[in-house]
Protein backbone atom coordinates (compact mmCIF):
# COMPACT_ATOMS: atom_id res chain seq x y z
CA UNK A 1 -11.15 -6.97 26.26
CA UNK A 2 -11.14 -9.66 23.28
CA UNK A 3 -14.11 -7.91 21.56
CA UNK A 4 -12.31 -4.54 21.57
CA UNK A 5 -8.79 -6.30 19.93
CA UNK A 6 -11.24 -7.74 17.62
CA UNK A 7 -12.95 -4.50 16.28
CA UNK A 8 -9.40 -3.12 16.51
CA UNK A 9 -7.89 -5.61 13.75
CA UNK A 10 -11.11 -5.32 11.61
CA UNK A 11 -10.68 -1.30 11.52
CA UNK A 12 -6.90 -2.08 10.67
CA UNK A 13 -7.70 -4.40 8.12
CA UNK A 14 -10.11 -2.29 6.26
CA UNK A 15 -7.99 0.53 6.67
CA UNK A 16 -5.07 -0.50 5.53
CA UNK A 17 -6.25 -3.09 2.85
CA UNK A 18 -9.43 -1.07 1.96
CA UNK A 19 -10.94 -1.97 -1.16
CA UNK A 20 -8.11 -3.10 -3.11
CA UNK A 21 -5.50 -5.20 -1.86
CA UNK A 22 -3.04 -4.99 -4.88
CA UNK A 23 -2.72 -1.14 -3.76
CA UNK A 24 -1.84 -2.01 -0.23
CA UNK A 25 0.49 -4.79 -1.28
CA UNK A 26 2.22 -2.15 -4.07
CA UNK A 27 2.51 0.14 -1.63
CA UNK A 28 4.23 -2.03 1.03
CA UNK A 29 6.75 -3.15 -2.08
CA UNK A 30 7.89 0.47 -2.67
CA UNK A 31 8.60 1.23 0.67
CA UNK A 32 10.56 -1.60 1.08
CA UNK A 33 12.18 -0.97 -1.87
CA UNK A 34 12.62 2.38 -0.82
CA UNK A 35 14.04 1.22 2.14
CA UNK A 36 16.59 -0.83 0.76
CA UNK A 37 17.97 1.67 -1.79
CA UNK A 38 18.13 4.64 0.98
CA UNK A 39 19.94 1.96 3.38
CA UNK A 40 22.16 -0.53 1.32
CA UNK A 41 22.82 1.85 -1.84
CA UNK A 42 22.47 5.17 -0.02
CA UNK A 43 20.53 6.32 -3.12
CA UNK A 44 18.20 9.46 -2.15
CA UNK A 45 14.92 7.53 -3.39
CA UNK A 46 12.02 9.56 -1.77
CA UNK A 47 10.57 10.11 -5.13
CA UNK A 48 9.72 6.07 -5.55
CA UNK A 49 6.89 6.59 -3.53
CA UNK A 50 5.19 9.15 -6.13
CA UNK A 51 6.25 7.30 -9.00
CA UNK A 52 4.19 4.16 -7.61
CA UNK A 53 1.02 5.84 -6.18
CA UNK A 54 1.03 7.30 -10.11
CA UNK A 55 1.54 4.02 -11.55
CA UNK A 56 -0.94 2.36 -9.14
CA UNK A 57 -3.66 4.83 -9.15
CA UNK A 58 -4.97 3.73 -13.06
CA UNK A 59 -4.70 -0.05 -11.93
CA UNK A 60 -7.47 0.50 -8.96
CA UNK A 61 -9.53 2.28 -10.52
CA UNK A 62 -9.78 -0.26 -13.59
CA UNK A 63 -10.19 -3.14 -11.09
CA UNK A 64 -12.97 -1.26 -9.73
CA UNK A 65 -14.46 -0.49 -12.72
CA UNK A 66 -14.21 -3.99 -13.68
CA UNK A 67 -16.01 -5.13 -10.60
CA UNK A 68 -19.02 -3.19 -10.85
């Protein structure tokens, strides 16, 4: 049973974090800001996630190219 939990944890980490933890952190931060804007400020903030992803893509590619 413990081996299955460990295997699932490793899968979840690899799926969410993947190759670039910066992108994962950026998405989590963008989701938190979107939630805050939508609930606290009553702003329609659906557009924030695509904007952040478009900004994070070149950063991720640059980091991947620089790493190799």
